[in-house]
N, C-alpha and C. Protein backbone atom coordinates (compact mmCIF):
# COMPACT_ATOMS: atom_id res chain seq x y z
N UNK A 1 4.89 39.13 -38.54
CA UNK A 1 4.68 37.35 -38.16
C UNK A 1 3.53 36.57 -38.51
N UNK A 2 3.69 35.48 -39.91
CA UNK A 2 2.58 34.44 -40.27
C UNK A 2 1.83 34.04 -39.39
N UNK A 3 0.81 33.79 -39.82
CA UNK A 3 -0.47 33.00 -38.72
C UNK A 3 0.36 31.68 -38.16
N UNK A 4 1.07 31.37 -39.02
CA UNK A 4 1.66 29.69 -38.62
C UNK A 4 2.59 29.81 -37.82
N UNK A 5 3.15 31.05 -37.78
CA UNK A 5 5.00 31.11 -36.45
C UNK A 5 4.23 31.98 -35.51
N UNK A 6 3.16 32.46 -35.56
CA UNK A 6 2.28 33.30 -34.55
C UNK A 6 2.42 32.51 -33.00
N UNK A 7 3.24 33.67 -31.89
CA UNK A 7 2.88 32.58 -31.29
C UNK A 7 1.30 32.70 -30.30
N UNK A 8 0.73 31.30 -29.67
CA UNK A 8 -0.83 31.71 -28.94
C UNK A 8 -0.43 32.15 -27.70
N UNK A 9 -2.05 32.68 -27.58
CA UNK A 9 -1.82 33.32 -26.53
C UNK A 9 -2.98 32.66 -25.43
N UNK A 10 -3.15 33.18 -24.46
CA UNK A 10 -3.58 32.42 -23.14
C UNK A 10 -5.20 32.57 -23.94
N UNK A 11 -5.80 33.24 -24.61
CA UNK A 11 -7.38 33.17 -25.01
C UNK A 11 -6.91 31.84 -26.12
N UNK A 12 -6.21 32.14 -26.73
CA UNK A 12 -6.08 30.69 -28.27
C UNK A 12 -6.20 29.00 -27.64
N UNK A 13 -4.71 29.26 -26.54
CA UNK A 13 -5.02 28.23 -25.81
C UNK A 13 -6.26 27.48 -24.92
N UNK A 14 -7.01 28.62 -24.55
CA UNK A 14 -7.70 28.16 -23.37
C UNK A 14 -9.36 27.78 -25.04
N UNK A 15 -9.44 28.64 -25.72
CA UNK A 15 -9.73 28.26 -27.00
C UNK A 15 -9.83 26.69 -27.58
N UNK A 16 -8.73 26.60 -27.83
CA UNK A 16 -8.31 25.25 -28.52
C UNK A 16 -8.48 24.05 -27.14
N UNK A 17 -8.30 24.30 -26.00
CA UNK A 17 -8.86 23.29 -24.85
C UNK A 17 -10.43 22.99 -24.89
N UNK A 18 -11.22 24.33 -24.69
CA UNK A 18 -12.46 24.30 -24.92
C UNK A 18 -13.09 23.36 -26.55
N UNK A 19 -12.44 23.77 -27.22
CA UNK A 19 -12.79 22.58 -28.61
C UNK A 19 -12.45 21.42 -28.44
N UNK A 20 -11.26 20.86 -28.11
CA UNK A 20 -10.70 19.81 -27.54
C UNK A 20 -11.96 19.17 -26.90
N UNK A 21 -12.51 19.72 -25.71
CA UNK A 21 -13.38 19.09 -24.62
C UNK A 21 -14.62 18.87 -25.32
N UNK A 22 -15.08 19.54 -26.19
CA UNK A 22 -16.13 19.34 -26.76
C UNK A 22 -16.13 18.23 -27.72
N UNK A 23 -15.29 18.24 -28.39
CA UNK A 23 -15.51 16.64 -29.02
C UNK A 23 -14.79 15.55 -28.72
N UNK A 24 -15.10 15.58 -26.73
CA UNK A 24 -14.97 14.26 -26.39
C UNK A 24 -16.48 14.00 -25.89
N UNK A 25 -17.06 12.80 -26.57
CA UNK A 25 -18.56 12.75 -25.77
C UNK A 25 -18.26 12.16 -24.14
N UNK A 26 -19.17 12.96 -23.54
CA UNK A 26 -18.77 12.69 -21.62
C UNK A 26 -18.06 12.66 -21.11
N UNK A 27 -17.35 13.72 -21.64
CA UNK A 27 -15.73 14.02 -21.15
C UNK A 27 -15.57 14.46 -19.05
N UNK A 28 -16.99 15.55 -18.96
CA UNK A 28 -16.73 15.10 -17.46
C UNK A 28 -17.04 14.12 -16.83
N UNK A 29 -17.91 13.21 -17.50
CA UNK A 29 -18.20 12.33 -16.69
C UNK A 29 -16.86 11.51 -16.70
N UNK A 30 -16.44 11.11 -17.28
CA UNK A 30 -14.89 10.41 -17.69
C UNK A 30 -14.00 10.78 -16.74
N UNK A 31 -14.09 12.92 -16.64
CA UNK A 31 -12.35 12.72 -15.52
C UNK A 31 -13.47 12.68 -14.06
N UNK A 32 -14.72 12.45 -13.46
CA UNK A 32 -15.38 12.62 -12.36
C UNK A 32 -15.25 10.90 -12.13
N UNK A 33 -15.15 9.76 -13.27
CA UNK A 33 -14.81 8.51 -12.85
C UNK A 33 -13.11 8.45 -12.94
N UNK A 34 -12.13 9.19 -13.65
CA UNK A 34 -11.29 8.56 -13.26
C UNK A 34 -10.36 9.49 -12.05
N UNK A 35 -10.78 10.82 -11.66
CA UNK A 35 -10.39 10.91 -10.69
C UNK A 35 -10.58 10.45 -9.31
N UNK A 36 -12.10 10.40 -9.35
CA UNK A 36 -12.56 8.88 -7.64
C UNK A 36 -11.60 7.70 -8.01
N UNK A 37 -11.32 6.94 -9.33
CA UNK A 37 -10.52 5.95 -8.96
C UNK A 37 -8.98 5.66 -8.87
N UNK A 38 -8.40 6.85 -9.58
CA UNK A 38 -7.38 7.73 -9.01
C UNK A 38 -6.67 7.78 -7.28
N UNK A 39 -7.71 8.41 -7.14
CA UNK A 39 -7.94 8.65 -5.43
C UNK A 39 -8.35 7.22 -4.65
N UNK A 40 -8.99 6.38 -5.10
CA UNK A 40 -9.29 5.32 -4.29
C UNK A 40 -7.47 4.65 -4.69
N UNK A 41 -7.29 4.19 -5.70
CA UNK A 41 -6.20 3.58 -5.54
C UNK A 41 -5.02 3.96 -5.08
N UNK A 42 -4.52 5.65 -4.94
CA UNK A 42 -3.81 6.25 -3.92
C UNK A 42 -3.89 5.87 -2.86
N UNK A 43 -5.56 6.00 -2.35
CA UNK A 43 -5.68 5.54 -0.52
C UNK A 43 -5.34 4.14 -0.25
N UNK A 44 -5.61 3.46 -1.12
CA UNK A 44 -6.10 1.76 -0.84
C UNK A 44 -4.38 1.73 -0.64
N UNK A 45 -3.11 1.70 -1.81
CA UNK A 45 -2.02 1.65 -1.49
C UNK A 45 -1.53 2.17 -0.24
N UNK A 46 -1.94 3.28 0.21
CA UNK A 46 -1.00 3.62 1.19
C UNK A 46 -1.63 2.79 2.99
N UNK A 47 -2.81 2.35 3.05
CA UNK A 47 -3.40 1.44 3.98
C UNK A 47 -2.07 0.28 3.43
N UNK A 48 -1.56 -0.26 2.69
CA UNK A 48 -1.31 -1.62 2.63
C UNK A 48 0.23 -1.15 3.24
N UNK A 49 0.76 0.54 2.68
CA UNK A 49 1.96 0.86 3.02
C UNK A 49 2.27 0.93 4.34
N UNK A 50 1.18 1.43 5.22
CA UNK A 50 0.73 1.49 6.73
C UNK A 50 0.91 0.28 7.15
N UNK A 51 0.15 -0.69 7.44
CA UNK A 51 0.44 -2.53 7.26
C UNK A 51 2.24 -2.52 7.60
N UNK A 52 2.30 -2.24 6.16
CA UNK A 52 4.21 -2.66 6.21
C UNK A 52 4.93 -1.61 7.16
N UNK A 53 4.71 -0.87 7.56
CA UNK A 53 5.15 -0.18 8.27
C UNK A 53 5.21 -0.28 10.04
N UNK A 54 3.62 -0.60 10.32
CA UNK A 54 3.56 -1.09 11.69
C UNK A 54 4.04 -2.32 11.49
N UNK A 55 3.88 -3.24 10.99
CA UNK A 55 4.55 -4.77 11.36
C UNK A 55 6.30 -4.57 11.07
N UNK A 56 6.61 -3.67 10.44
CA UNK A 56 8.68 -4.28 10.29
C UNK A 56 8.75 -3.10 11.73
N UNK A 57 7.75 -2.04 12.19
CA UNK A 57 8.80 -1.66 13.44
C UNK A 57 8.39 -1.87 14.49
N UNK A 58 7.16 -2.91 14.71
CA UNK A 58 6.41 -3.80 15.95
C UNK A 58 6.30 -5.65 15.79
N UNK A 59 7.20 -5.50 14.78
CA UNK A 59 7.25 -7.18 14.56
C UNK A 59 8.98 -7.85 14.04
N UNK A 60 9.23 -9.16 14.33
CA UNK A 60 9.83 -9.87 13.44
C UNK A 60 10.97 -10.04 14.59
N UNK A 61 11.42 -9.79 15.97
CA UNK A 61 12.46 -10.07 16.30
C UNK A 61 11.29 -10.52 17.97
N UNK A 62 11.56 -11.91 18.73
CA UNK A 62 11.06 -12.41 19.63
C UNK A 62 11.66 -12.12 21.09
N UNK A 63 11.30 -12.09 22.14
CA UNK A 63 11.43 -11.89 23.44
C UNK A 63 13.03 -11.66 23.33
N UNK A 64 12.94 -10.17 23.26
CA UNK A 64 14.16 -9.07 23.18
C UNK A 64 14.02 -8.38 24.66
N UNK A 65 15.15 -8.65 25.31
CA UNK A 65 15.51 -7.47 26.56
C UNK A 65 15.98 -6.33 26.47
N UNK A 66 15.04 -5.59 26.90
CA UNK A 66 15.99 -4.19 26.78
C UNK A 66 16.52 -3.50 27.86
N UNK A 67 18.11 -3.81 27.59
CA UNK A 67 18.77 -3.02 28.90
C UNK A 67 18.56 -2.00 29.32
N UNK A 68 18.42 -0.91 28.80
CA UNK A 68 18.12 0.12 29.07
C UNK A 68 16.97 0.80 30.15
N UNK A 69 15.72 -0.08 29.59
CA UNK A 69 14.74 -0.11 30.23
C UNK A 69 14.46 -1.02 31.17
N UNK A 70 15.04 -1.99 31.23
CA UNK A 70 14.93 -3.70 32.05
C UNK A 70 13.51 -3.61 31.51
N UNK A 71 12.96 -4.29 30.64
CA UNK A 71 12.25 -4.60 30.37
C UNK A 71 12.18 -5.87 29.54
N UNK A 72 11.23 -7.04 29.38
CA UNK A 72 11.36 -7.76 28.42
C UNK A 72 10.10 -8.09 27.24
N UNK A 73 10.04 -7.63 26.59
CA UNK A 73 9.24 -7.57 25.36
C UNK A 73 8.98 -8.52 24.46
N UNK A 74 8.22 -9.46 23.89
CA UNK A 74 7.88 -10.45 23.77
C UNK A 74 8.13 -10.41 22.20
N UNK A 75 7.44 -9.24 21.65
CA UNK A 75 7.67 -8.91 20.38
C UNK A 75 8.01 -7.42 20.18
N UNK A 76 9.23 -7.07 19.18
CA UNK A 76 9.95 -5.53 19.10
C UNK A 76 10.05 -6.01 17.36
N UNK A 77 9.97 -4.74 16.79
CA UNK A 77 10.17 -4.87 15.12
C UNK A 77 11.22 -4.92 14.88
N UNK A 78 11.77 -5.34 13.55
CA UNK A 78 13.47 -5.33 13.18
C UNK A 78 13.88 -4.17 12.64
N UNK A 79 12.93 -3.07 12.19
CA UNK A 79 13.33 -1.30 12.50
C UNK A 79 13.19 -0.51 13.73
N UNK A 80 13.25 0.77 13.62
CA UNK A 80 12.46 1.68 14.29
C UNK A 80 12.21 2.58 13.84
N UNK A 81 11.10 3.62 14.15
CA UNK A 81 10.32 4.49 13.20
C UNK A 81 11.16 4.99 12.96
N UNK A 82 12.68 5.62 13.42
CA UNK A 82 12.90 6.71 12.39
C UNK A 82 13.65 5.45 11.40
N UNK A 83 13.78 4.46 11.11
CA UNK A 83 14.34 4.08 9.65
C UNK A 83 13.94 3.35 8.53
N UNK A 84 12.52 4.01 8.52
CA UNK A 84 11.48 3.40 7.59
C UNK A 84 12.33 3.49 6.15
N UNK A 85 12.24 2.53 5.61
CA UNK A 85 12.96 1.99 4.12
C UNK A 85 12.15 2.67 3.04
N UNK A 86 12.70 2.28 2.08
CA UNK A 86 11.60 2.71 0.28
C UNK A 86 10.62 1.85 0.52
N UNK A 87 9.90 1.53 -0.14
CA UNK A 87 8.80 1.03 -0.44
C UNK A 87 9.29 -0.59 -1.21
N UNK A 88 10.47 -0.45 -1.57
CA UNK A 88 10.82 -1.36 -2.54
C UNK A 88 11.61 -2.30 -1.28
N UNK A 89 12.23 -1.69 0.12
CA UNK A 89 12.86 -2.34 0.67
C UNK A 89 11.56 -3.01 1.96
N UNK A 90 10.61 -2.18 1.72
CA UNK A 90 9.77 -2.13 2.90
C UNK A 90 8.82 -3.92 2.72
N UNK A 91 8.73 -3.91 0.60
CA UNK A 91 8.17 -5.12 0.34
C UNK A 91 9.00 -6.62 0.77
N UNK A 92 10.46 -6.27 0.50
CA UNK A 92 11.34 -6.91 0.56
C UNK A 92 10.75 -7.92 2.06
N UNK A 93 11.51 -6.47 3.44
CA UNK A 93 10.89 -6.95 4.43
C UNK A 93 9.65 -7.71 5.26
N UNK A 94 8.81 -7.25 4.18
CA UNK A 94 7.58 -8.08 4.91
C UNK A 94 7.63 -9.08 4.39
N UNK A 95 7.85 -9.46 3.15
CA UNK A 95 7.58 -10.88 2.36
C UNK A 95 8.73 -12.32 3.61
N UNK A 96 10.06 -11.77 4.27
CA UNK A 96 10.83 -12.22 5.00
C UNK A 96 10.20 -12.42 6.44
N UNK A 97 9.25 -11.47 6.77
CA UNK A 97 8.78 -11.28 7.75
C UNK A 97 7.17 -12.59 7.37
N UNK A 98 6.89 -12.30 6.67
CA UNK A 98 5.63 -13.66 6.39
C UNK A 98 6.43 -14.70 6.05
N UNK A 99 7.31 -15.54 5.76
CA UNK A 99 7.99 -16.08 5.43
C UNK A 99 8.79 -17.15 6.86
N UNK A 100 9.25 -16.00 7.71
CA UNK A 100 9.37 -16.44 8.46
C UNK A 100 8.50 -16.66 9.93
N UNK A 101 6.63 -15.88 9.62
CA UNK A 101 6.21 -16.69 10.85
C UNK A 101 4.99 -17.66 10.32
N UNK A 102 5.22 -17.92 8.89
CA UNK A 102 4.79 -19.14 8.52
C UNK A 102 5.65 -19.73 7.44
N UNK A 103 6.28 -20.72 8.34
CA UNK A 103 7.59 -21.79 7.67
C UNK A 103 6.72 -23.06 6.61
N UNK A 104 5.86 -22.82 6.85
CA UNK A 104 5.31 -24.27 6.30
C UNK A 104 4.55 -23.41 4.68
N UNK A 105 4.99 -22.75 4.48
CA UNK A 105 4.38 -21.79 3.59
C UNK A 105 6.10 -22.53 2.21
N UNK A 106 5.07 -22.97 0.71
CA UNK A 106 5.76 -23.82 -0.21
C UNK A 106 6.73 -22.26 -0.97
N UNK A 107 7.42 -22.88 -1.93
CA UNK A 107 7.86 -21.79 -2.59
C UNK A 107 6.99 -21.20 -3.80
N UNK A 108 5.82 -21.60 -4.46
CA UNK A 108 4.44 -21.30 -4.84
C UNK A 108 3.85 -20.70 -4.41
N UNK A 109 3.46 -20.73 -3.03
CA UNK A 109 3.03 -19.46 -2.23
C UNK A 109 3.63 -18.23 -1.95
N UNK A 110 4.79 -18.37 -1.81
CA UNK A 110 5.73 -17.11 -1.05
C UNK A 110 5.78 -16.25 -2.80
N UNK A 111 5.83 -17.06 -4.05
CA UNK A 111 6.01 -16.47 -5.02
C UNK A 111 5.10 -15.54 -5.53
N UNK A 112 3.25 -16.09 -5.48
CA UNK A 112 2.25 -15.53 -5.75
C UNK A 112 2.49 -14.17 -5.01
N UNK A 113 3.23 -14.36 -3.32
CA UNK A 113 2.86 -13.50 -2.62
C UNK A 113 3.63 -11.93 -3.46
N UNK A 114 4.94 -12.26 -3.65
CA UNK A 114 5.92 -11.36 -4.08
C UNK A 114 5.34 -11.18 -5.47
N UNK A 115 4.74 -11.58 -6.41
CA UNK A 115 4.39 -11.17 -7.46
C UNK A 115 3.20 -10.31 -7.13
N UNK A 116 2.41 -10.61 -6.77
CA UNK A 116 1.39 -9.84 -6.51
C UNK A 116 1.56 -8.84 -5.35
N UNK A 117 2.83 -8.44 -5.24
CA UNK A 117 3.08 -7.02 -4.24
C UNK A 117 3.43 -6.56 -5.69
N UNK A 118 4.48 -6.74 -6.44
CA UNK A 118 4.69 -6.36 -7.73
C UNK A 118 3.86 -5.96 -8.64
N UNK A 119 3.01 -6.51 -8.36
CA UNK A 119 2.03 -5.88 -9.66
C UNK A 119 1.36 -4.90 -8.84
N UNK A 120 0.98 -5.16 -7.58
CA UNK A 120 -0.24 -4.28 -6.59
C UNK A 120 0.24 -2.82 -7.04
N UNK A 121 2.00 -2.71 -7.08
CA UNK A 121 2.69 -1.45 -6.48
C UNK A 121 2.30 -1.02 -8.27
N UNK A 122 2.75 -2.07 -9.12
CA UNK A 122 2.76 -1.39 -10.24
C UNK A 122 1.82 -0.74 -11.14
N UNK A 123 0.91 -0.86 -10.89
CA UNK A 123 -0.57 -0.80 -11.27
C UNK A 123 -0.41 0.69 -10.20
N UNK A 124 -0.82 0.52 -9.00
CA UNK A 124 -0.56 1.85 -8.19
C UNK A 124 -0.18 3.08 -9.38
N UNK A 125 1.54 2.89 -9.54
CA UNK A 125 2.23 3.42 -10.12
C UNK A 125 1.64 4.11 -11.67
N UNK A 126 0.81 3.66 -11.74
CA UNK A 126 -0.09 4.23 -13.43
C UNK A 126 -0.79 4.86 -12.93
N UNK A 127 -1.60 4.45 -12.15
CA UNK A 127 -2.74 5.75 -11.69
C UNK A 127 -1.56 6.90 -11.17
N UNK A 128 -1.18 6.69 -10.35
CA UNK A 128 -0.34 7.86 -10.15
C UNK A 128 0.16 8.48 -10.97
N UNK A 129 0.53 8.54 -11.93
CA UNK A 129 1.31 8.65 -12.98
C UNK A 129 1.23 9.02 -14.56
N UNK A 130 0.39 8.10 -15.09
CA UNK A 130 0.25 8.09 -16.24
C UNK A 130 -0.94 8.72 -16.89
N UNK A 131 -0.99 9.83 -17.78
CA UNK A 131 -2.24 10.61 -18.30
C UNK A 131 -3.13 9.28 -19.11
N UNK A 132 -4.53 9.87 -19.26
CA UNK A 132 -5.20 9.37 -19.87
C UNK A 132 -5.70 9.69 -21.17
N UNK A 133 -5.82 8.54 -22.04
CA UNK A 133 -5.88 8.81 -23.35
C UNK A 133 -7.58 9.47 -23.59
N UNK A 134 -8.34 10.06 -23.69
CA UNK A 134 -9.78 11.05 -23.27
C UNK A 134 -10.41 10.64 -24.72
N UNK A 135 -9.89 10.42 -25.90
CA UNK A 135 -9.91 10.31 -26.64
C UNK A 135 -10.43 8.79 -27.01
N UNK A 136 -9.99 7.47 -26.17
CA UNK A 136 -10.51 6.44 -26.23
C UNK A 136 -11.59 5.80 -26.33
N UNK A 137 -12.27 4.99 -26.78
CA UNK A 137 -13.34 4.41 -26.70
C UNK A 137 -14.21 4.23 -25.76
N UNK A 138 -13.04 2.97 -25.25
CA UNK A 138 -12.82 2.95 -23.78
C UNK A 138 -12.03 3.27 -22.99
N UNK A 139 -11.99 3.87 -21.51
CA UNK A 139 -10.99 4.48 -21.08
C UNK A 139 -9.61 3.63 -21.39
N UNK A 140 -8.43 4.49 -21.94
CA UNK A 140 -7.34 4.20 -21.77
C UNK A 140 -6.38 4.83 -21.07
N UNK A 141 -5.42 4.48 -20.54
CA UNK A 141 -3.87 5.40 -20.02
C UNK A 141 -3.25 5.26 -21.54
N UNK A 142 -2.34 6.13 -21.57
CA UNK A 142 -1.39 6.44 -22.61
C UNK A 142 -0.09 5.19 -22.16
N UNK A 143 -0.08 4.38 -22.82
CA UNK A 143 1.02 3.27 -23.06
C UNK A 143 2.12 3.75 -24.15
N UNK A 144 2.19 4.65 -24.48
CA UNK A 144 3.11 5.20 -25.64
C UNK A 144 4.21 5.74 -24.53
N UNK A 145 5.68 6.08 -25.31
CA UNK A 145 6.41 6.65 -24.96
C UNK A 145 5.66 8.09 -24.01
N UNK A 146 6.47 8.83 -23.04
CA UNK A 146 7.62 8.35 -22.51
C UNK A 146 6.68 7.18 -20.98
N UNK A 147 5.38 6.38 -20.93
CA UNK A 147 4.64 6.15 -20.54
C UNK A 147 4.87 4.61 -20.45
N UNK A 148 5.63 4.07 -21.89
CA UNK A 148 5.40 2.66 -22.23
C UNK A 148 6.09 1.82 -20.91
N UNK A 149 6.95 1.76 -19.91
CA UNK A 149 7.39 0.87 -19.23
C UNK A 149 6.50 0.98 -18.32
N UNK A 150 5.86 1.66 -17.65
CA UNK A 150 4.97 1.37 -17.03
C UNK A 150 3.96 0.51 -16.93
N UNK A 151 4.07 -0.52 -18.89
CA UNK A 151 3.02 -1.23 -18.78
C UNK A 151 3.56 -2.61 -19.71
N UNK A 152 5.38 -2.69 -18.94
CA UNK A 152 6.20 -3.76 -19.38
C UNK A 152 5.87 -4.71 -18.51
N UNK A 153 4.90 -4.88 -17.17
CA UNK A 153 4.85 -6.07 -16.47
C UNK A 153 3.53 -6.98 -17.40
N UNK A 154 2.53 -5.73 -17.71
CA UNK A 154 1.17 -6.50 -18.24
C UNK A 154 0.48 -5.15 -18.89
N UNK A 155 0.47 -5.33 -20.29
CA UNK A 155 0.34 -4.69 -21.13
C UNK A 155 -1.16 -4.57 -21.51
N UNK A 156 -1.82 -5.48 -20.73
CA UNK A 156 -3.66 -5.25 -20.77
C UNK A 156 -3.62 -4.32 -19.17
N UNK A 157 -3.12 -3.66 -18.75
CA UNK A 157 -3.44 -2.52 -18.23
C UNK A 157 -3.74 -1.14 -18.47
N UNK A 158 -3.15 -0.70 -19.87
CA UNK A 158 -3.75 0.56 -20.66
C UNK A 158 -5.18 0.51 -20.49
N UNK A 159 -5.94 -0.35 -20.60
CA UNK A 159 -7.18 0.06 -19.93
C UNK A 159 -7.79 -0.01 -18.44
N UNK A 160 -8.32 1.59 -18.16
CA UNK A 160 -8.30 1.63 -17.12
C UNK A 160 -9.31 1.09 -16.13
N UNK A 161 -10.54 0.71 -16.41
CA UNK A 161 -10.95 -0.32 -15.78
C UNK A 161 -10.60 -1.79 -15.24
N UNK A 162 -9.70 -2.27 -16.55
CA UNK A 162 -9.45 -3.53 -16.25
C UNK A 162 -8.09 -3.64 -15.36
N UNK A 163 -7.20 -2.25 -15.21
CA UNK A 163 -6.20 -2.19 -14.33
C UNK A 163 -6.92 -1.84 -12.59
N UNK A 164 -8.10 -1.27 -12.83
CA UNK A 164 -8.63 -1.18 -11.69
C UNK A 164 -8.93 -2.28 -10.71
N UNK A 165 -9.80 -3.24 -11.81
CA UNK A 165 -9.98 -4.48 -10.99
C UNK A 165 -9.26 -5.58 -10.50
N UNK A 166 -8.26 -5.52 -11.08
CA UNK A 166 -7.05 -6.52 -10.81
C UNK A 166 -6.42 -5.68 -9.32
N UNK A 167 -6.27 -3.90 -9.78
CA UNK A 167 -5.72 -3.33 -8.44
C UNK A 167 -6.81 -4.33 -7.05
N UNK A 168 -8.52 -4.02 -7.30
CA UNK A 168 -8.87 -4.18 -6.14
C UNK A 168 -9.07 -5.47 -5.61
N UNK A 169 -8.67 -6.87 -6.74
CA UNK A 169 -8.40 -7.81 -6.72
C UNK A 169 -7.25 -7.94 -5.31
N UNK A 170 -6.21 -7.56 -6.08
CA UNK A 170 -4.81 -7.79 -5.41
C UNK A 170 -4.71 -7.08 -4.04
N UNK A 171 -5.45 -5.90 -4.08
CA UNK A 171 -5.47 -5.11 -2.50
C UNK A 171 -6.09 -6.14 -0.91
N UNK A 172 -7.49 -7.05 -2.20
CA UNK A 172 -8.10 -8.03 -1.08
C UNK A 172 -7.10 -9.48 -0.51
N UNK A 173 -6.40 -9.79 -1.82
CA UNK A 173 -5.53 -10.54 -1.06
C UNK A 173 -4.47 -10.52 -0.22
N UNK A 174 -3.91 -9.02 -0.47
CA UNK A 174 -2.75 -8.65 0.16
C UNK A 174 -3.19 -8.10 1.83
N UNK A 175 -4.72 -7.25 1.96
CA UNK A 175 -4.92 -7.51 2.92
C UNK A 175 -5.27 -8.58 3.77
N UNK A 176 -5.56 -9.87 3.27
CA UNK A 176 -6.17 -10.71 4.11
C UNK A 176 -4.79 -11.08 4.87
N UNK A 177 -3.89 -11.41 3.93
CA UNK A 177 -2.50 -12.25 4.16
C UNK A 177 -2.19 -11.14 5.65
N UNK A 178 -2.24 -9.45 5.37
CA UNK A 178 -1.83 -9.16 6.53
C UNK A 178 -2.45 -9.10 7.72
N UNK A 179 -3.98 -9.51 7.48
CA UNK A 179 -4.61 -9.49 8.69
C UNK A 179 -4.31 -11.19 9.25
N UNK A 180 -4.26 -11.96 8.49
CA UNK A 180 -3.75 -13.54 8.76
C UNK A 180 -2.67 -13.59 9.92
N UNK A 181 -1.51 -12.38 9.54
CA UNK A 181 0.11 -11.90 10.35
C UNK A 181 -0.42 -11.66 11.27
N UNK A 182 -0.93 -10.13 11.58
CA UNK A 182 -1.58 -9.59 12.75
C UNK A 182 -1.98 -10.67 13.75
N UNK A 183 -2.90 -11.53 13.28
CA UNK A 183 -3.42 -12.98 14.16
C UNK A 183 -2.13 -13.70 14.72
N UNK A 184 -1.64 -13.96 13.76
CA UNK A 184 -0.56 -14.66 14.45
C UNK A 184 0.37 -14.11 15.32
N UNK A 185 0.45 -13.11 15.05
CA UNK A 185 1.39 -12.12 15.89
C UNK A 185 1.07 -12.14 17.36
N UNK A 186 -0.84 -11.87 17.51
CA UNK A 186 -1.53 -11.59 18.50
C UNK A 186 -1.00 -12.92 19.22
N UNK A 187 -1.27 -13.79 18.81
CA UNK A 187 -1.19 -15.34 18.97
C UNK A 187 -0.41 -15.23 20.02
N UNK A 188 0.97 -15.35 19.37
CA UNK A 188 2.05 -15.58 19.84
C UNK A 188 2.63 -14.53 21.16
N UNK A 189 2.26 -13.40 21.25
CA UNK A 189 2.63 -13.01 21.95
C UNK A 189 1.60 -13.25 23.39
N UNK A 190 0.49 -13.93 23.15
CA UNK A 190 -0.57 -14.21 24.39
C UNK A 190 0.04 -15.48 24.41
N UNK A 191 0.92 -16.45 23.96
CA UNK A 191 1.17 -17.58 24.27
C UNK A 191 2.30 -17.13 25.34
N UNK A 192 3.30 -16.60 24.46
CA UNK A 192 4.16 -15.89 25.64
C UNK A 192 4.10 -15.45 27.01
N UNK A 193 2.88 -14.49 26.85
CA UNK A 193 2.64 -14.14 28.31
C UNK A 193 2.00 -14.83 29.00
N UNK A 194 1.21 -16.10 28.72
CA UNK A 194 0.90 -17.54 29.63
C UNK A 194 1.90 -17.85 30.37
N UNK A 195 2.84 -18.36 29.40
CA UNK A 195 3.63 -19.48 29.31
C UNK A 195 5.39 -18.46 30.37
N UNK A 196 5.45 -17.17 30.10
CA UNK A 196 6.28 -16.66 30.91
C UNK A 196 6.33 -16.55 32.18
N UNK A 197 4.65 -15.59 32.06
CA UNK A 197 3.90 -14.43 33.30
C UNK A 197 2.80 -15.42 33.69
N UNK A 198 2.19 -16.31 33.01
CA UNK A 198 1.00 -16.91 33.97
C UNK A 198 0.11 -16.01 33.78
N UNK A 199 -0.20 -15.01 33.23
CA UNK A 199 -0.86 -14.51 32.77
C UNK A 199 -1.37 -13.85 31.37
N UNK A 200 -2.71 -13.40 30.79
CA UNK A 200 -3.31 -12.94 29.50
C UNK A 200 -2.70 -11.80 29.52
N UNK A 201 -2.45 -11.72 28.08
CA UNK A 201 -2.45 -10.21 28.09
C UNK A 201 -3.29 -8.77 28.20
N UNK A 202 -4.51 -9.55 28.21
CA UNK A 202 -6.09 -8.50 28.83
C UNK A 202 -5.84 -8.21 30.07
N UNK A 203 -4.90 -9.44 31.07
CA UNK A 203 -4.89 -9.30 32.50
C UNK A 203 -3.97 -8.55 32.77
N UNK A 204 -2.88 -8.47 32.09
CA UNK A 204 -1.82 -7.67 32.14
C UNK A 204 -1.73 -6.35 31.67
N UNK A 205 -2.76 -6.01 30.87
CA UNK A 205 -3.23 -4.39 30.41
C UNK A 205 -4.38 -4.04 31.57
N UNK A 206 -4.61 -5.00 32.24
CA UNK A 206 -5.79 -4.49 33.24
C UNK A 206 -5.14 -4.21 34.53
N UNK A 207 -4.05 -4.67 34.92
CA UNK A 207 -3.54 -4.46 35.62
C UNK A 207 -2.76 -2.97 35.71
N UNK A 208 -2.36 -3.10 34.67
CA UNK A 208 -1.20 -1.91 34.44
C UNK A 208 -1.85 -0.49 34.73
N UNK A 209 -3.56 -0.81 33.75
CA UNK A 209 -4.45 0.71 33.77
C UNK A 209 -4.66 0.69 35.11
N UNK A 210 -5.17 -0.25 36.14
CA UNK A 210 -5.52 -0.11 37.72
C UNK A 210 -3.81 0.59 38.48
N UNK A 211 -2.76 0.13 38.24
CA UNK A 211 -1.75 0.66 38.66
C UNK A 211 -1.48 2.11 38.75
N UNK A 212 -1.39 2.56 37.34
CA UNK A 212 -1.33 4.12 36.68
C UNK A 212 -2.65 4.88 37.26
N UNK A 213 -3.68 3.93 36.90
CA UNK A 213 -4.76 4.81 37.97
C UNK A 213 -4.16 5.45 39.60
N UNK A 214 -3.81 4.27 40.20
CA UNK A 214 -3.22 4.63 41.33
C UNK A 214 -2.58 5.66 41.63
N UNK A 215 -1.57 5.63 40.65
CA UNK A 215 -0.73 6.02 40.68
C UNK A 215 -0.67 7.85 40.56
N UNK A 216 -2.12 7.99 39.58
CA UNK A 216 -2.30 9.59 39.63
C UNK A 216 -2.90 9.70 40.52
N UNK A 217 -3.76 8.86 41.49
CA UNK A 217 -4.98 9.17 42.51
C UNK A 217 -3.93 9.41 43.76
N UNK A 218 -2.95 9.08 43.53
CA UNK A 218 -1.72 9.57 44.72
C UNK A 218 -2.15 7.85 46.04
């Protein structure tokens, strides 16, 4: 068999990989940076997804009577925990919950939120799936096939640092909306509690804990 057609051994591949690594300046530092930034991106996207899970399973419906438990729930979820949808559906349902809770929002504000969600998860998918072009002077993703479609929304995301900076800005924006939504739900519960029961949520919780303690102590 000629050298040209020779099947490479493990040692041949290892040698080639080491030669390639040695030809790239600061490769170890680049790899460490990319590993950390990929991890943070995935972790932050999980935080937002957990917020969505929490809100769609605990909010969306007001003043619901549970006939089986014979209880009145001030606010319950539009889904149960066994019925968690995929992220695309979660985003749409979260957008509907925001619109319902803040009806004064105009179309421009709703569109901004919707676009931000789309861009946020598109960047997350890039960090999760697209390899790095290590030879690039500035760290870049590989924007060619089969990864080209990841950059259809914004070609500038091929730059790792640029994509990361936008991702963090979007994370802060979306998280602030989630926190605002949460505060609004807590306020609504408090109002329902005071109007219907004449007690605050804190008072009801305190009474429930005292009742539980009395039962446990006999």
